[in-house]
Amino acid sequence: MKIMVVGGGGREHAIIRKLKENKEIEVIYALPGNAGMAEDAVLVPEIGAKDIEKQVKFATEKGIDFAVVAPDDPLAMGAVDALNAVGIPCFGPNATAARIESSKVFAKDLMKKYGIPTAKYEVFTESDKALAYLENAPIPTVIKADGLALGKGVIIAMTREDAMTAVKEMMQDKVFGESGSRIVIEEFLEGPEVSVLSFTDGKTVVPMISSMDHKRAHDNDEGLNTGGMGTIAPNPYYTDAVAERCMNEIFLPTIRAMEKEGCPFKGCLYFGLMITGDGPKVIEYNCRFGDPETQVVLPLLRSDLYTIMRATENGTLAETKVEFAKESCCCVIMASKGYPEKYEKGFAIEMEPAVAPYVYVAGVANKDGKLVTNGGRVLGVTATAKTLEEAIATAYDRVKSVHFENAYYRSDIGQKALRANKES
């Protein structure tokens, strides 16, 4: 079998490594991939994640049997639709279903229509009306660009002034381009956050093991929001009681709502949740595997990933085995100093060979045969263990075996979860 994975980050590296466990797969192509994946996949650097026409041509010429479209942009742009049109089965939603992430307004309106618990909200297409609304709106508040914005289109405004600034930057200054032409102003919710990725074939939904992301750049959840500085799984706030409520009040209702709207969702549906005093509520949906949640969830998957992916595509998920290890996993992101703002690139990366199998590679390039830094989030260093405490300790031990100039990472990944475990 020949597999094609679209994307080039740590998430895609984790997916490729897990797919490789299936011995029937002869070759995995990564489009474009990155230099750090070279031992796990055949890189196709000349075809970018958004080059859908080239992806289709490549897939037909190479006789690809199955494609995995991992990032949000190509899903929203219709990569799955285009590949399906030439007879190539895919893991991932079509463009109409991907709207659940690519349009915050679509997602919020869907939840409102079908009674799925989420924050109260208002939608605006004109900045003056949004600014007028903010004059008397409860503060703190949350401002969201409607479209995709590289995970940075959500501003938690702690003051009225910050909220006004966010609206002006999105709608007037176009800091997120057309994604900010329409915005959502949303009620500020409080409580622990939980990420739950799920497999779905449009009718059946199978949640994966829960995880906790650490989005802020610095320790103690301080600093700017990033794409994620580390993750742990499972999330201690996601108890059996919470999981049951989520299945009945959020997961199944969402899948049924999408089917009723004529856009059944197939692939990985990511539920970003907050456990409030009123119960679990949806903060956001993603139409694909999260990054870096994937890097802690897939190492714990004991079933064959390719078999599950095919089941989401052909509607047989209800009869497919999906099992996770009763263990814990920790991923520490090693970033370039200055991320998510300005940072330098091109520093050589050194790591001990024994650690390499536990490192997922993201923002890197090849220079004279050596890996060098080439992005904000560079590497994800992981560890699985019987306990969360042991997984965290091992991950940080492995971090010490990886070196590059200007390396930066948080030193407290998983500490909040450990405190929650002691309190429960």
Protein backbone atom coordinates (compact mmCIF):
# COMPACT_ATOMS: atom_id res chain seq x y z
CA MET A 1 0.00 0.00 0.00
CA LYS A 2 1.09 3.54 -0.75
CA ILE A 3 0.03 6.28 1.67
CA MET A 4 0.23 10.06 1.24
CA VAL A 5 0.23 12.40 4.26
CA VAL A 6 -0.36 16.10 3.60
CA GLY A 7 1.39 18.45 6.03
CA GLY A 8 4.83 19.09 7.45
CA GLY A 9 4.80 19.54 11.23
CA GLY A 10 5.10 17.60 14.46
CA ARG A 11 1.50 16.40 14.19
CA GLU A 12 2.18 14.88 10.78
CA HIS A 13 5.38 13.26 12.07
CA ALA A 14 3.37 11.61 14.87
CA ILE A 15 0.75 10.38 12.38
CA ILE A 16 3.43 8.99 10.04
CA ARG A 17 5.25 7.18 12.84
CA LYS A 18 2.00 5.53 13.98
CA LEU A 19 0.99 4.57 10.42
CA LYS A 20 4.41 2.94 9.93
CA GLU A 21 3.45 0.30 12.49
CA ASN A 22 1.17 -1.28 9.85
CA LYS A 23 3.40 -3.72 7.94
CA GLU A 24 1.15 -3.70 4.86
CA ILE A 25 2.14 -0.08 4.15
CA GLU A 26 5.06 -0.11 1.73
CA VAL A 27 5.76 3.60 1.52
CA ILE A 28 4.51 6.84 3.08
CA TYR A 29 4.96 10.08 1.17
CA ALA A 30 4.96 13.36 3.12
CA LEU A 31 3.83 16.45 1.20
CA PRO A 32 5.84 18.57 1.90
CA GLY A 33 7.05 16.91 5.12
CA ASN A 34 10.15 18.31 6.80
CA ALA A 35 13.81 17.34 6.93
CA GLY A 36 13.43 15.61 10.30
CA MET A 37 10.95 13.08 8.88
CA ALA A 38 13.36 11.69 6.28
CA GLU A 39 13.86 8.38 8.11
CA ASP A 40 10.11 7.80 8.42
CA ALA A 41 8.73 8.96 5.07
CA VAL A 42 9.64 9.89 1.50
CA LEU A 43 9.68 13.69 1.47
CA VAL A 44 8.05 15.64 -1.37
CA PRO A 45 9.17 19.18 -0.42
CA GLU A 46 8.18 20.71 -3.75
CA ILE A 47 4.45 20.13 -3.05
CA GLY A 48 3.08 22.31 -0.25
CA ALA A 49 0.14 21.55 2.03
CA LYS A 50 -2.07 23.98 0.08
CA ASP A 51 -0.98 22.87 -3.43
CA ILE A 52 -4.11 20.79 -3.97
CA GLU A 53 -3.82 20.53 -7.75
CA LYS A 54 -0.26 19.22 -7.43
CA GLN A 55 -1.32 16.81 -4.66
CA VAL A 56 -4.00 15.30 -6.89
CA LYS A 57 -1.55 14.94 -9.81
CA PHE A 58 1.06 13.33 -7.53
CA ALA A 59 -1.46 10.93 -6.01
CA THR A 60 -2.73 9.73 -9.38
CA GLU A 61 0.75 9.37 -10.88
CA LYS A 62 2.10 7.44 -7.88
CA GLY A 63 -0.98 5.24 -7.50
CA ILE A 64 -1.67 6.36 -3.93
CA ASP A 65 -4.07 4.00 -2.13
CA PHE A 66 -5.02 6.31 0.75
CA ALA A 67 -4.39 9.94 1.70
CA VAL A 68 -4.34 11.64 5.09
CA VAL A 69 -4.98 15.39 4.94
CA ALA A 70 -3.84 16.66 8.32
CA PRO A 71 -3.74 20.52 8.42
CA ASP A 72 -6.78 22.83 8.56
CA ASP A 73 -6.05 24.98 5.49
CA PRO A 74 -6.10 22.23 2.83
CA LEU A 75 -9.18 20.66 4.46
CA ALA A 76 -11.02 23.99 4.32
CA MET A 77 -9.82 24.50 0.73
CA GLY A 78 -11.27 21.16 -0.40
CA ALA A 79 -8.27 18.83 -0.63
CA VAL A 80 -10.38 15.81 0.35
CA ASP A 81 -13.04 16.74 -2.22
CA ALA A 82 -10.40 16.99 -4.96
CA LEU A 83 -8.72 13.69 -4.06
CA ASN A 84 -12.06 11.88 -3.74
CA ALA A 85 -13.02 13.19 -7.18
CA VAL A 86 -10.19 11.15 -8.73
CA GLY A 87 -11.04 8.05 -6.69
CA ILE A 88 -8.55 8.39 -3.83
CA PRO A 89 -10.02 7.63 -0.38
CA CYS A 90 -9.01 10.07 2.37
CA PHE A 91 -8.91 10.56 6.09
CA GLY A 92 -10.38 13.98 6.79
CA PRO A 93 -13.59 15.94 6.23
CA ASN A 94 -14.68 17.53 2.97
CA ALA A 95 -14.78 21.33 2.70
CA THR A 96 -18.42 21.71 3.77
CA ALA A 97 -17.79 19.68 6.95
CA ALA A 98 -14.47 21.47 7.60
CA ARG A 99 -16.48 24.68 8.11
CA ILE A 100 -16.89 23.56 11.70
CA GLU A 101 -13.37 24.96 12.15
CA SER A 102 -12.93 27.30 9.21
CA SER A 103 -15.93 29.42 10.26
CA LYS A 104 -16.40 30.26 13.95
CA VAL A 105 -19.80 31.70 13.05
CA PHE A 106 -20.91 28.44 11.43
CA ALA A 107 -19.80 26.49 14.51
CA LYS A 108 -21.48 28.84 17.00
CA ASP A 109 -24.72 28.94 15.01
CA LEU A 110 -24.70 25.13 14.78
CA MET A 111 -24.35 24.82 18.56
CA LYS A 112 -27.09 27.38 19.16
CA LYS A 113 -29.50 25.66 16.75
CA TYR A 114 -28.98 22.19 18.23
CA GLY A 115 -28.64 23.13 21.91
CA ILE A 116 -24.99 22.14 22.29
CA PRO A 117 -23.55 23.89 25.39
CA THR A 118 -21.19 26.77 24.55
CA ALA A 119 -20.53 30.39 25.55
CA LYS A 120 -23.10 33.08 24.71
CA TYR A 121 -22.05 35.14 21.69
CA GLU A 122 -22.77 37.87 19.16
CA VAL A 123 -21.61 38.06 15.51
CA PHE A 124 -20.42 41.28 13.85
CA THR A 125 -19.53 42.22 10.28
CA GLU A 126 -18.99 45.95 10.97
CA SER A 127 -16.35 47.25 13.36
CA ASP A 128 -18.36 50.26 14.56
CA LYS A 129 -21.22 48.01 15.70
CA ALA A 130 -18.78 45.65 17.44
CA LEU A 131 -17.10 48.57 19.23
CA ALA A 132 -20.47 49.99 20.28
CA TYR A 133 -21.47 46.58 21.69
CA LEU A 134 -18.23 46.40 23.68
CA GLU A 135 -18.98 49.68 25.48
CA ASN A 136 -21.41 47.81 27.75
CA ALA A 137 -20.39 44.16 27.29
CA PRO A 138 -19.26 42.09 30.30
CA ILE A 139 -15.47 42.06 30.73
CA PRO A 140 -13.37 39.88 30.40
CA THR A 141 -14.60 38.83 26.96
CA VAL A 142 -13.35 36.73 24.06
CA ILE A 143 -12.86 38.06 20.51
CA LYS A 144 -12.60 35.51 17.68
CA ALA A 145 -11.83 35.99 14.01
CA ASP A 146 -14.34 33.98 11.99
CA GLY A 147 -11.84 32.29 9.69
CA LEU A 148 -8.58 30.37 10.07
CA ALA A 149 -5.70 32.37 11.58
CA LEU A 150 -2.93 29.86 12.33
CA GLY A 151 -4.39 29.26 15.78
CA LYS A 152 -3.87 32.92 16.73
CA GLY A 153 -7.29 34.37 15.89
CA VAL A 154 -8.66 34.22 19.43
CA ILE A 155 -8.03 37.08 21.87
CA ILE A 156 -8.98 36.85 25.55
CA ALA A 157 -9.49 40.50 26.46
CA MET A 158 -9.14 41.17 30.19
CA THR A 159 -9.95 44.89 29.83
CA ARG A 160 -12.40 46.90 27.71
CA GLU A 161 -9.45 48.65 26.08
CA ASP A 162 -7.90 45.30 25.07
CA ALA A 163 -11.22 44.19 23.60
CA MET A 164 -11.55 47.39 21.55
CA THR A 165 -7.97 47.00 20.31
CA ALA A 166 -8.59 43.39 19.29
CA VAL A 167 -11.65 44.38 17.25
CA LYS A 168 -9.79 47.20 15.50
CA GLU A 169 -6.80 44.98 14.68
CA MET A 170 -9.00 42.19 13.29
CA MET A 171 -11.62 44.22 11.41
CA GLN A 172 -9.86 47.47 10.49
CA ASP A 173 -6.15 46.61 10.37
CA LYS A 174 -6.81 43.12 8.92
CA VAL A 175 -4.04 41.47 10.96
CA PHE A 176 -5.59 38.10 10.06
CA GLY A 177 -6.56 39.13 6.51
CA GLU A 178 -10.10 38.29 5.45
CA SER A 179 -10.42 35.86 8.38
CA GLY A 180 -11.17 38.88 10.57
CA SER A 181 -13.80 40.47 8.30
CA ARG A 182 -16.43 38.81 10.47
CA ILE A 183 -15.91 38.29 14.20
CA VAL A 184 -17.52 36.60 17.18
CA ILE A 185 -17.61 38.34 20.56
CA GLU A 186 -18.13 35.69 23.17
CA GLU A 187 -18.85 35.24 26.86
CA PHE A 188 -15.72 34.58 28.94
CA LEU A 189 -15.92 31.12 30.53
CA GLU A 190 -13.89 29.88 33.48
CA GLY A 191 -12.73 26.40 34.40
CA PRO A 192 -10.13 23.81 33.42
CA GLU A 193 -9.68 23.19 29.69
CA VAL A 194 -9.73 19.73 28.13
CA SER A 195 -8.89 18.63 24.58
CA VAL A 196 -10.66 15.54 23.25
CA LEU A 197 -9.80 14.33 19.77
CA SER A 198 -12.28 11.86 18.32
CA PHE A 199 -12.56 9.49 15.39
CA THR A 200 -15.86 9.66 13.53
CA ASP A 201 -17.33 8.20 10.35
CA GLY A 202 -20.26 10.63 10.33
CA LYS A 203 -22.51 8.45 12.50
CA THR A 204 -20.34 6.83 15.18
CA VAL A 205 -17.98 8.88 17.33
CA VAL A 206 -15.09 7.32 19.28
CA PRO A 207 -13.28 9.74 21.62
CA MET A 208 -9.54 9.29 21.97
CA ILE A 209 -7.73 9.66 25.26
CA SER A 210 -8.11 13.21 26.66
CA SER A 211 -5.25 15.70 26.83
CA MET A 212 -4.22 19.06 28.30
CA ASP A 213 -2.52 21.69 26.14
CA HIS A 214 -0.30 24.49 27.51
CA LYS A 215 -0.85 27.40 25.12
CA ARG A 216 0.90 30.28 26.88
CA ALA A 217 4.53 30.92 26.00
CA HIS A 218 5.91 31.02 29.54
CA ASP A 219 5.69 29.10 32.82
CA ASN A 220 2.63 29.52 35.04
CA ASP A 221 0.50 30.15 31.94
CA GLU A 222 2.01 33.60 31.40
CA GLY A 223 2.98 35.32 28.16
CA LEU A 224 1.43 35.27 24.71
CA ASN A 225 -0.76 32.52 23.29
CA THR A 226 1.13 30.08 21.07
CA GLY A 227 0.24 27.06 18.98
CA GLY A 228 1.00 24.98 22.09
CA MET A 229 4.11 24.64 24.27
CA GLY A 230 3.42 21.11 25.47
CA THR A 231 0.78 18.55 26.32
CA ILE A 232 -0.02 15.70 28.68
CA ALA A 233 -2.49 12.84 28.47
CA PRO A 234 -4.80 11.84 30.00
CA ASN A 235 -6.32 15.06 31.39
CA PRO A 236 -7.25 14.56 35.09
CA TYR A 237 -10.20 16.94 34.80
CA TYR A 238 -11.82 14.64 32.24
CA THR A 239 -13.41 12.22 34.70
CA ASP A 240 -15.74 9.34 33.78
CA ALA A 241 -18.73 11.49 34.79
CA VAL A 242 -17.56 14.40 32.62
CA ALA A 243 -16.88 12.01 29.72
CA GLU A 244 -20.43 10.64 29.91
CA ARG A 245 -21.92 14.15 29.86
CA CYS A 246 -19.71 15.13 26.94
CA MET A 247 -20.79 12.09 24.93
CA ASN A 248 -24.51 12.73 25.54
CA GLU A 249 -24.57 16.54 25.47
CA ILE A 250 -21.75 17.44 23.05
CA PHE A 251 -20.12 14.66 20.99
CA LEU A 252 -23.14 12.75 19.67
CA PRO A 253 -25.29 15.90 19.27
CA THR A 254 -22.52 17.52 17.19
CA ILE A 255 -22.16 14.51 14.86
CA ARG A 256 -25.95 14.30 14.46
CA ALA A 257 -26.20 18.05 13.88
CA MET A 258 -23.63 17.91 11.09
CA GLU A 259 -25.50 15.03 9.46
CA LYS A 260 -28.81 16.92 9.69
CA GLU A 261 -27.18 19.98 8.12
CA GLY A 262 -26.19 17.88 5.11
CA CYS A 263 -22.47 17.91 5.85
CA PRO A 264 -21.65 14.70 7.77
CA PHE A 265 -18.21 14.88 9.38
CA LYS A 266 -15.66 12.12 8.70
CA GLY A 267 -12.14 12.06 10.10
CA CYS A 268 -10.84 13.53 13.35
CA LEU A 269 -13.10 16.01 15.12
CA TYR A 270 -11.34 17.88 17.91
CA PHE A 271 -13.42 19.14 20.81
CA GLY A 272 -11.87 22.01 22.79
CA LEU A 273 -13.82 21.97 26.06
CA MET A 274 -14.05 23.94 29.27
CA ILE A 275 -15.36 22.28 32.41
CA THR A 276 -17.42 25.12 33.89
CA GLY A 277 -19.54 25.25 37.03
CA ASP A 278 -22.51 24.52 34.73
CA GLY A 279 -20.83 21.51 33.18
CA PRO A 280 -18.70 20.98 30.06
CA LYS A 281 -19.02 23.54 27.25
CA VAL A 282 -17.46 23.78 23.79
CA ILE A 283 -14.81 26.48 23.38
CA GLU A 284 -13.90 25.45 19.83
CA TYR A 285 -14.02 22.69 17.28
CA ASN A 286 -11.09 21.72 15.06
CA CYS A 287 -11.61 19.68 11.91
CA ARG A 288 -8.38 17.68 12.33
CA PHE A 289 -5.83 16.31 14.80
CA GLY A 290 -4.54 18.98 17.19
CA ASP A 291 -0.90 19.98 17.42
CA PRO A 292 0.70 19.15 19.88
CA GLU A 293 -2.16 17.00 21.30
CA THR A 294 -1.54 14.37 18.62
CA GLN A 295 2.00 13.90 19.94
CA VAL A 296 0.68 12.58 23.29
CA VAL A 297 -2.50 10.84 22.11
CA LEU A 298 -1.14 8.66 19.30
CA PRO A 299 1.75 7.17 21.33
CA LEU A 300 -0.94 5.74 23.65
CA LEU A 301 -3.00 4.24 20.80
CA ARG A 302 -2.71 0.45 20.83
CA SER A 303 -4.95 -0.26 17.81
CA ASP A 304 -3.83 0.10 14.18
CA LEU A 305 -4.22 3.71 13.07
CA TYR A 306 -4.56 2.91 9.36
CA THR A 307 -7.42 0.47 10.04
CA ILE A 308 -9.24 3.12 12.09
CA MET A 309 -8.69 5.78 9.43
CA ARG A 310 -10.12 3.51 6.73
CA ALA A 311 -13.12 2.81 8.98
CA THR A 312 -13.86 6.55 9.31
CA GLU A 313 -13.81 6.80 5.53
CA ASN A 314 -15.95 3.74 4.73
CA GLY A 315 -18.44 4.01 7.62
CA THR A 316 -17.41 0.95 9.65
CA LEU A 317 -16.10 2.65 12.79
CA ALA A 318 -18.74 1.02 15.01
CA GLU A 319 -17.21 -2.42 14.24
CA THR A 320 -13.57 -1.30 14.53
CA LYS A 321 -11.38 -1.82 17.60
CA VAL A 322 -10.01 1.41 19.10
CA GLU A 323 -7.95 0.83 22.25
CA PHE A 324 -5.62 3.06 24.24
CA ALA A 325 -2.99 2.11 26.81
CA LYS A 326 -3.84 2.88 30.42
CA GLU A 327 -0.65 4.93 30.70
CA SER A 328 0.36 8.59 30.57
CA CYS A 329 2.27 10.65 28.03
CA CYS A 330 4.03 14.02 28.13
CA CYS A 331 5.29 16.18 25.24
CA VAL A 332 7.56 19.18 25.83
CA ILE A 333 7.86 21.58 22.91
CA MET A 334 11.36 22.92 22.30
CA ALA A 335 10.91 26.27 20.56
CA SER A 336 13.09 29.06 19.23
CA LYS A 337 13.69 31.83 21.77
CA GLY A 338 11.35 34.73 20.97
CA TYR A 339 8.48 32.55 19.68
CA PRO A 340 5.62 33.37 19.02
CA GLU A 341 7.04 36.75 17.98
CA LYS A 342 10.48 37.28 16.38
CA TYR A 343 13.08 34.54 16.48
CA GLU A 344 16.25 33.52 14.65
CA LYS A 345 16.62 30.41 12.48
CA GLY A 346 19.44 28.23 11.19
CA PHE A 347 20.94 26.81 14.39
CA ALA A 348 22.30 23.25 14.26
CA ILE A 349 20.31 20.64 16.20
CA GLU A 350 22.16 17.92 18.10
CA MET A 351 20.46 15.00 19.83
CA GLU A 352 21.60 11.67 21.22
CA PRO A 353 20.58 8.77 18.94
CA ALA A 354 18.78 7.00 21.80
CA VAL A 355 16.44 10.01 22.18
CA ALA A 356 15.58 10.45 18.47
CA PRO A 357 12.68 7.91 18.44
CA TYR A 358 10.89 10.01 21.07
CA VAL A 359 11.26 13.31 19.23
CA TYR A 360 8.66 14.61 16.76
CA VAL A 361 10.17 17.12 14.37
CA ALA A 362 8.42 20.32 13.24
CA GLY A 363 10.23 23.59 12.42
CA VAL A 364 13.47 22.26 10.91
CA ALA A 365 15.43 22.31 7.66
CA ASN A 366 18.42 20.47 6.19
CA LYS A 367 21.61 22.47 5.82
CA ASP A 368 24.72 20.68 4.53
CA GLY A 369 23.32 17.34 5.69
CA LYS A 370 22.50 18.52 9.20
CA LEU A 371 19.20 19.46 10.83
CA VAL A 372 18.88 23.15 11.67
CA THR A 373 16.08 25.18 13.26
CA ASN A 374 13.61 26.65 10.78
CA GLY A 375 10.55 27.70 12.77
CA GLY A 376 9.05 28.79 16.07
CA ARG A 377 8.12 25.39 17.42
CA VAL A 378 11.07 23.17 16.52
CA LEU A 379 10.71 19.80 18.27
CA GLY A 380 8.29 17.87 20.50
CA VAL A 381 10.13 15.65 23.00
CA THR A 382 7.89 12.93 24.39
CA ALA A 383 7.73 10.11 26.93
CA THR A 384 5.12 7.53 27.93
CA ALA A 385 5.06 5.85 31.34
CA LYS A 386 2.79 4.11 33.84
CA THR A 387 2.26 7.37 35.74
CA LEU A 388 2.05 11.00 34.66
CA GLU A 389 4.80 11.95 37.11
CA GLU A 390 7.18 9.47 35.51
CA ALA A 391 6.22 10.53 31.96
CA ILE A 392 6.94 14.19 32.77
CA ALA A 393 10.27 13.41 34.42
CA THR A 394 11.39 11.21 31.51
CA ALA A 395 10.36 13.78 28.90
CA TYR A 396 12.41 16.49 30.61
CA ASP A 397 15.37 14.09 30.94
CA ARG A 398 15.20 13.61 27.17
CA VAL A 399 15.01 17.37 26.60
CA LYS A 400 18.43 17.61 28.26
CA SER A 401 19.80 15.35 25.51
CA VAL A 402 18.70 17.71 22.72
CA HIS A 403 20.63 20.89 21.99
CA PHE A 404 20.38 23.91 19.70
CA GLU A 405 21.30 27.55 20.17
CA ASN A 406 18.46 29.79 21.41
CA ALA A 407 16.39 26.78 22.52
CA TYR A 408 13.46 27.66 24.75
CA TYR A 409 10.90 25.49 26.53
CA ARG A 410 8.52 25.73 29.45
CA SER A 411 9.69 23.98 32.62
CA ASP A 412 6.21 23.31 34.04
CA ILE A 413 4.45 21.13 31.47
CA GLY A 414 2.07 18.81 33.33
CA GLN A 415 2.45 20.43 36.76
CA LYS A 416 -1.16 21.65 36.79
CA ALA A 417 -2.31 18.11 36.02
CA LEU A 418 -0.18 16.67 38.81
CA ARG A 419 -1.75 19.11 41.28
CA ALA A 420 -5.22 18.11 40.05
CA ASN A 421 -4.37 14.42 40.54
CA LYS A 422 -3.32 15.09 44.15
CA GLU A 423 -6.49 17.05 44.86
CA SER A 424 -8.83 14.36 43.48
